Amino acid sequence: MSVLVRRVPRLDAEAITQAVSTLLSTNGRVTALEDGLVIVGDSAEVLQAVNEMIDAIAETESLSWVVQFYLVTLTNKALSDFGVDGVPALEVAYTFANASNGGISPDFNLDASLSAILRATKTESGVRLVAEPLITVADGQKGRFQRGDVVLLPKTSTSQYGAEVVTGYQEIETGLILDVGVRETSESCAVLSLDLQISSLVGEEKNQTTPRRAREMFNTQAVVRNGGVYLLGTLERRQVDQSRGAFLTLGRKRSTEDSVIQVWAKVQAVNTKQNFNTTPVDKPAPTPEAGTPVVP
């Protein structure tokens, strides 16, 4: 039995073991370490095949994905003002997805159309950019973006004397949590996995003193194309605002605002193995010092 010791890039110990095991004979053995070192024992023919496979893994191009998300909220009034309240989100999503796949006239500019939507968040009332997280992930891996507050709610109990005593605090996370994963499926396409959660604490409800958490969740998997722009989904949201009334006015003023959150994504592949031009560049001739004769 012969022994091969190699370091395998890109793969973890479990993946290395699974890959090498497919080539081993019944008497072959493999041990993979966490630092990428692999030790294989088998016949010379098998070890040659394993060595060639490791070479192929090392030469395979590494791929990362840059995903730019835009979470745009539009109130129902803003949708009506723009005249798009009657346009189903399905048509908008189809238009951008079809354009990303090259199914629309080249005159349709994806970036310009997306820029027009983002420009409205700065110039139009009722349209707001909630967040624009940018995440870079290696192919097949996952990334997370989280922004918000951790609210501490007191835990109370009644003492033997009838008094309310704080015994501790309960942590409640609010805000935006976004989990994303990308895996290549072909030369220019990938499956994008998105898990989105938006939550906030809502104030007193009638006679209740304990706040409640309002939460919207969105989960999807979509096939996307390199360089494409997609409307991945929409969320309807009702925000309740409670504030004190004017001076000498009893009670609280309660108002609600219905809005729609659009989840946009732009996807770009980044090849980490670039072919650099190694042709040497001719250096310019040094400038002669004053008084030095110049020989043509």
Protein backbone atom coordinates (compact mmCIF):
# COMPACT_ATOMS: atom_id res chain seq x y z
CA MET A 1 0.00 0.00 0.00
CA SER A 2 1.26 3.49 -0.89
CA VAL A 3 0.58 6.78 0.90
CA LEU A 4 -0.29 10.20 -0.53
CA VAL A 5 -0.14 13.39 1.53
CA ARG A 6 -1.63 16.52 -0.05
CA ARG A 7 -3.22 19.77 1.01
CA VAL A 8 -6.63 20.31 -0.59
CA PRO A 9 -7.84 23.90 -1.04
CA ARG A 10 -11.44 25.17 -0.76
CA LEU A 11 -12.93 22.04 0.89
CA ASP A 12 -13.43 21.31 4.56
CA ALA A 13 -12.44 18.03 6.20
CA GLU A 14 -15.84 16.39 5.71
CA ALA A 15 -16.04 17.35 2.04
CA ILE A 16 -12.47 16.16 1.42
CA THR A 17 -13.24 12.79 2.97
CA GLN A 18 -16.38 12.34 0.89
CA ALA A 19 -14.62 13.33 -2.35
CA VAL A 20 -11.62 11.05 -1.84
CA SER A 21 -13.71 8.12 -0.60
CA THR A 22 -15.43 7.85 -3.98
CA LEU A 23 -12.11 6.75 -5.54
CA LEU A 24 -10.80 4.42 -2.83
CA SER A 25 -10.69 0.66 -3.12
CA THR A 26 -12.04 -1.62 -0.42
CA ASN A 27 -8.66 -1.52 1.38
CA GLY A 28 -8.15 2.23 1.00
CA ARG A 29 -8.12 4.65 3.91
CA VAL A 30 -8.37 8.45 4.12
CA THR A 31 -7.83 10.92 6.96
CA ALA A 32 -8.59 14.61 6.48
CA LEU A 33 -7.48 17.31 8.92
CA GLU A 34 -9.12 20.65 9.63
CA ASP A 35 -6.28 22.61 7.99
CA GLY A 36 -6.98 20.93 4.62
CA LEU A 37 -4.26 18.29 4.85
CA VAL A 38 -5.38 14.87 3.59
CA ILE A 39 -3.60 11.53 4.04
CA VAL A 40 -4.62 8.74 1.69
CA GLY A 41 -3.48 5.12 1.72
CA ASP A 42 -4.21 2.84 -1.23
CA SER A 43 -2.68 1.34 -4.35
CA ALA A 44 -0.49 3.42 -6.64
CA GLU A 45 -3.19 3.49 -9.34
CA VAL A 46 -5.81 4.80 -6.93
CA LEU A 47 -3.45 7.40 -5.49
CA GLN A 48 -2.72 8.66 -8.98
CA ALA A 49 -6.45 9.16 -9.56
CA VAL A 50 -6.78 10.93 -6.20
CA ASN A 51 -3.84 13.17 -7.02
CA GLU A 52 -5.40 14.14 -10.36
CA MET A 53 -8.70 14.92 -8.66
CA ILE A 54 -6.98 17.19 -6.11
CA ASP A 55 -5.19 18.97 -8.95
CA ALA A 56 -8.54 19.55 -10.68
CA ILE A 57 -10.05 20.94 -7.48
CA ALA A 58 -7.12 23.34 -7.05
CA GLU A 59 -7.38 24.57 -10.65
CA THR A 60 -11.15 25.09 -10.58
CA GLU A 61 -12.10 28.75 -10.48
CA SER A 62 -13.42 30.06 -7.20
CA LEU A 63 -16.65 32.03 -7.38
CA SER A 64 -18.25 34.59 -5.11
CA TRP A 65 -21.53 36.44 -5.44
CA VAL A 66 -22.27 40.05 -4.60
CA VAL A 67 -25.95 40.63 -3.82
CA GLN A 68 -27.26 44.15 -3.34
CA PHE A 69 -30.68 44.28 -1.72
CA TYR A 70 -33.05 47.25 -1.70
CA LEU A 71 -36.03 47.28 0.63
CA VAL A 72 -38.38 50.00 -0.58
CA THR A 73 -41.57 50.87 1.26
CA LEU A 74 -44.44 52.64 -0.47
CA THR A 75 -47.60 53.82 1.24
CA ASN A 76 -50.92 53.14 -0.42
CA LYS A 77 -51.25 56.87 -1.04
CA ALA A 78 -47.89 56.95 -2.83
CA LEU A 79 -48.91 54.00 -5.00
CA SER A 80 -52.09 55.84 -5.92
CA ASP A 81 -50.21 59.07 -6.66
CA PHE A 82 -47.83 57.22 -8.98
CA GLY A 83 -50.75 55.54 -10.71
CA VAL A 84 -49.34 52.05 -10.11
CA ASP A 85 -51.77 50.93 -7.44
CA GLY A 86 -53.67 49.03 -10.13
CA VAL A 87 -50.58 47.36 -11.59
CA PRO A 88 -50.04 43.92 -10.04
CA ALA A 89 -46.60 43.35 -8.55
CA LEU A 90 -46.51 40.20 -10.68
CA GLU A 91 -46.22 42.29 -13.85
CA VAL A 92 -43.38 44.37 -12.42
CA ALA A 93 -41.52 41.27 -11.20
CA TYR A 94 -42.02 39.54 -14.58
CA THR A 95 -40.78 42.57 -16.53
CA PHE A 96 -37.52 42.83 -14.60
CA ALA A 97 -36.93 39.06 -14.51
CA ASN A 98 -37.59 38.76 -18.24
CA ALA A 99 -35.27 41.70 -18.95
CA SER A 100 -32.55 40.13 -16.77
CA ASN A 101 -32.81 37.00 -18.91
CA GLY A 102 -32.56 38.97 -22.14
CA GLY A 103 -36.20 38.47 -23.07
CA ILE A 104 -36.99 42.17 -23.58
CA SER A 105 -35.79 44.75 -26.06
CA PRO A 106 -32.22 45.94 -25.42
CA ASP A 107 -33.67 49.43 -25.01
CA PHE A 108 -34.95 48.39 -21.58
CA ASN A 109 -32.18 49.45 -19.21
CA LEU A 110 -32.24 47.49 -15.96
CA ASP A 111 -29.96 49.82 -14.02
CA ALA A 112 -31.77 52.94 -15.19
CA SER A 113 -35.16 51.49 -14.26
CA LEU A 114 -33.93 50.50 -10.80
CA SER A 115 -32.28 53.91 -10.34
CA ALA A 116 -35.61 55.60 -11.10
CA ILE A 117 -37.24 53.63 -8.31
CA LEU A 118 -34.45 54.47 -5.86
CA ARG A 119 -34.51 58.12 -6.89
CA ALA A 120 -38.15 58.28 -5.86
CA THR A 121 -37.17 57.30 -2.31
CA LYS A 122 -35.31 60.61 -2.03
CA THR A 123 -37.71 62.91 -3.83
CA GLU A 124 -41.22 61.58 -3.25
CA SER A 125 -43.15 61.52 0.00
CA GLY A 126 -44.55 58.15 0.96
CA VAL A 127 -41.63 56.32 -0.64
CA ARG A 128 -38.73 55.32 1.58
CA LEU A 129 -35.63 53.15 1.33
CA VAL A 130 -35.81 51.02 4.46
CA ALA A 131 -32.43 49.33 4.00
CA GLU A 132 -29.90 48.53 1.29
CA PRO A 133 -27.71 45.71 2.63
CA LEU A 134 -24.89 44.47 0.41
CA ILE A 135 -23.60 40.95 1.04
CA THR A 136 -20.73 39.09 -0.61
CA VAL A 137 -20.82 35.32 -0.18
CA ALA A 138 -18.76 32.46 -1.57
CA ASP A 139 -20.61 30.15 -3.89
CA GLY A 140 -22.65 27.65 -1.90
CA GLN A 141 -22.28 29.58 1.37
CA LYS A 142 -24.63 31.84 3.34
CA GLY A 143 -24.45 35.37 4.70
CA ARG A 144 -26.48 37.35 7.22
CA PHE A 145 -27.36 41.00 7.65
CA GLN A 146 -28.97 42.12 10.91
CA ARG A 147 -29.94 45.60 11.99
CA GLY A 148 -32.21 46.56 14.86
CA ASP A 149 -32.54 46.78 18.61
CA VAL A 150 -32.63 44.30 21.45
CA VAL A 151 -35.50 45.36 23.70
CA LEU A 152 -35.38 44.31 27.36
CA LEU A 153 -38.82 43.56 28.78
CA PRO A 154 -38.96 43.18 32.55
CA LYS A 155 -40.15 39.93 34.09
CA THR A 156 -42.16 40.58 37.24
CA SER A 157 -43.63 38.54 40.04
CA THR A 158 -45.78 39.36 43.01
CA SER A 159 -44.09 39.30 46.38
CA GLN A 160 -45.67 37.98 49.56
CA TYR A 161 -46.57 41.58 50.38
CA GLY A 162 -48.47 42.05 47.13
CA ALA A 163 -45.85 44.23 45.42
CA GLU A 164 -44.64 43.78 41.84
CA VAL A 165 -40.96 42.79 41.82
CA VAL A 166 -38.73 42.69 38.75
CA THR A 167 -37.05 39.30 38.64
CA GLY A 168 -35.22 39.62 35.33
CA TYR A 169 -35.48 40.73 31.74
CA GLN A 170 -36.52 39.06 28.51
CA GLU A 171 -34.58 39.96 25.36
CA ILE A 172 -36.64 40.56 22.22
CA GLU A 173 -34.87 41.27 18.94
CA THR A 174 -36.53 43.75 16.61
CA GLY A 175 -35.59 45.20 13.26
CA LEU A 176 -34.35 43.53 10.09
CA ILE A 177 -32.78 40.08 9.76
CA LEU A 178 -31.77 38.94 6.28
CA ASP A 179 -30.20 35.55 5.49
CA VAL A 180 -29.03 34.89 1.95
CA GLY A 181 -27.35 32.00 0.15
CA VAL A 182 -26.27 31.62 -3.48
CA ARG A 183 -25.30 28.48 -5.38
CA GLU A 184 -24.24 28.36 -9.02
CA THR A 185 -26.36 26.16 -11.28
CA SER A 186 -24.86 26.99 -14.69
CA GLU A 187 -22.29 29.26 -16.26
CA SER A 188 -24.38 32.40 -15.71
CA CYS A 189 -27.21 31.36 -13.36
CA ALA A 190 -27.56 30.57 -9.67
CA VAL A 191 -30.18 29.74 -7.08
CA LEU A 192 -30.64 32.60 -4.62
CA SER A 193 -32.13 31.68 -1.22
CA LEU A 194 -33.56 34.51 0.86
CA ASP A 195 -35.00 34.47 4.38
CA LEU A 196 -36.21 37.91 5.45
CA GLN A 197 -37.77 39.01 8.73
CA ILE A 198 -38.90 42.50 9.79
CA SER A 199 -40.25 43.01 13.30
CA SER A 200 -41.10 45.85 15.65
CA LEU A 201 -42.73 46.35 19.02
CA VAL A 202 -46.24 47.76 19.07
CA GLY A 203 -47.45 49.85 22.04
CA GLU A 204 -50.37 49.29 24.36
CA GLU A 205 -53.45 47.63 22.98
CA LYS A 206 -56.51 49.02 24.77
CA ASN A 207 -56.07 48.06 28.44
CA GLN A 208 -53.07 45.81 27.87
CA THR A 209 -49.76 47.08 29.19
CA THR A 210 -47.60 44.38 27.60
CA PRO A 211 -46.39 45.33 24.12
CA ARG A 212 -46.64 42.87 21.29
CA ARG A 213 -44.26 42.22 18.42
CA ALA A 214 -45.46 42.77 14.88
CA ARG A 215 -43.51 40.63 12.43
CA GLU A 216 -43.43 40.11 8.67
CA MET A 217 -41.52 37.14 7.25
CA PHE A 218 -40.55 36.32 3.69
CA ASN A 219 -38.80 33.21 2.39
CA THR A 220 -38.02 32.29 -1.20
CA GLN A 221 -35.68 30.52 -3.59
CA ALA A 222 -35.29 31.90 -7.09
CA VAL A 223 -33.09 31.22 -10.10
CA VAL A 224 -31.24 34.43 -10.96
CA ARG A 225 -28.86 35.41 -13.74
CA ASN A 226 -25.52 37.11 -13.33
CA GLY A 227 -26.06 40.89 -13.60
CA GLY A 228 -29.84 40.63 -13.26
CA VAL A 229 -32.22 42.83 -11.26
CA TYR A 230 -35.20 41.17 -9.60
CA LEU A 231 -38.26 42.08 -7.59
CA LEU A 232 -38.22 39.05 -5.31
CA GLY A 233 -41.43 39.79 -3.44
CA THR A 234 -43.65 42.26 -1.61
CA LEU A 235 -44.87 42.48 1.95
CA GLU A 236 -47.94 44.33 3.12
CA ARG A 237 -47.40 46.12 6.38
CA ARG A 238 -49.65 48.05 8.74
CA GLN A 239 -47.82 50.40 11.08
CA VAL A 240 -49.65 51.58 14.17
CA ASP A 241 -48.61 54.91 15.62
CA GLN A 242 -49.71 55.87 19.10
CA SER A 243 -48.87 59.29 20.48
CA ARG A 244 -50.15 61.62 23.15
CA GLY A 245 -52.80 64.05 22.06
CA ALA A 246 -52.43 67.80 22.07
CA PHE A 247 -52.19 69.84 25.27
CA LEU A 248 -55.17 69.27 27.61
CA THR A 249 -56.41 66.46 25.35
CA LEU A 250 -57.17 63.20 27.12
CA GLY A 251 -56.06 59.78 25.93
CA ARG A 252 -53.83 58.82 23.07
CA LYS A 253 -53.99 59.55 19.38
CA ARG A 254 -53.94 56.36 17.34
CA SER A 255 -53.25 56.24 13.62
CA THR A 256 -52.52 53.46 11.16
CA GLU A 257 -50.66 53.54 7.87
CA ASP A 258 -50.80 50.75 5.32
CA SER A 259 -47.77 50.28 3.12
CA VAL A 260 -46.10 47.80 0.82
CA ILE A 261 -42.47 46.72 1.16
CA GLN A 262 -40.80 45.73 -2.10
CA VAL A 263 -37.74 43.46 -1.91
CA TRP A 264 -35.34 44.16 -4.80
CA ALA A 265 -32.06 42.39 -5.50
CA LYS A 266 -29.22 42.88 -7.94
CA VAL A 267 -26.89 39.91 -8.38
CA GLN A 268 -23.33 39.93 -9.68
CA ALA A 269 -20.83 37.07 -9.91
CA VAL A 270 -17.19 37.69 -9.00
CA ASN A 271 -14.55 35.32 -10.34
CA THR A 272 -11.71 35.28 -7.84
CA LYS A 273 -9.28 33.65 -10.28
CA GLN A 274 -8.32 36.35 -12.75
CA ASN A 275 -5.99 36.01 -15.68
CA PHE A 276 -3.54 38.87 -15.30
CA ASN A 277 -1.38 40.05 -18.15
CA THR A 278 2.16 39.13 -17.19
CA THR A 279 3.78 40.69 -20.24
CA PRO A 280 6.52 42.99 -18.92
CA VAL A 281 6.05 46.68 -19.57
CA ASP A 282 8.98 48.57 -21.03
CA LYS A 283 10.30 51.06 -18.52
CA PRO A 284 10.73 54.64 -19.76
CA ALA A 285 14.27 55.77 -20.32
CA PRO A 286 15.67 57.78 -17.38
CA THR A 287 15.77 61.52 -17.82
CA PRO A 288 19.40 62.64 -18.37
CA GLU A 289 20.90 64.95 -15.82
CA ALA A 290 21.69 68.51 -16.75
CA GLY A 291 24.95 68.81 -18.70
CA THR A 292 24.98 65.13 -19.71
CA PRO A 293 25.27 64.59 -23.47
CA VAL A 294 22.46 62.66 -25.04
CA VAL A 295 23.53 59.87 -27.38
CA PRO A 296 20.93 59.19 -30.06
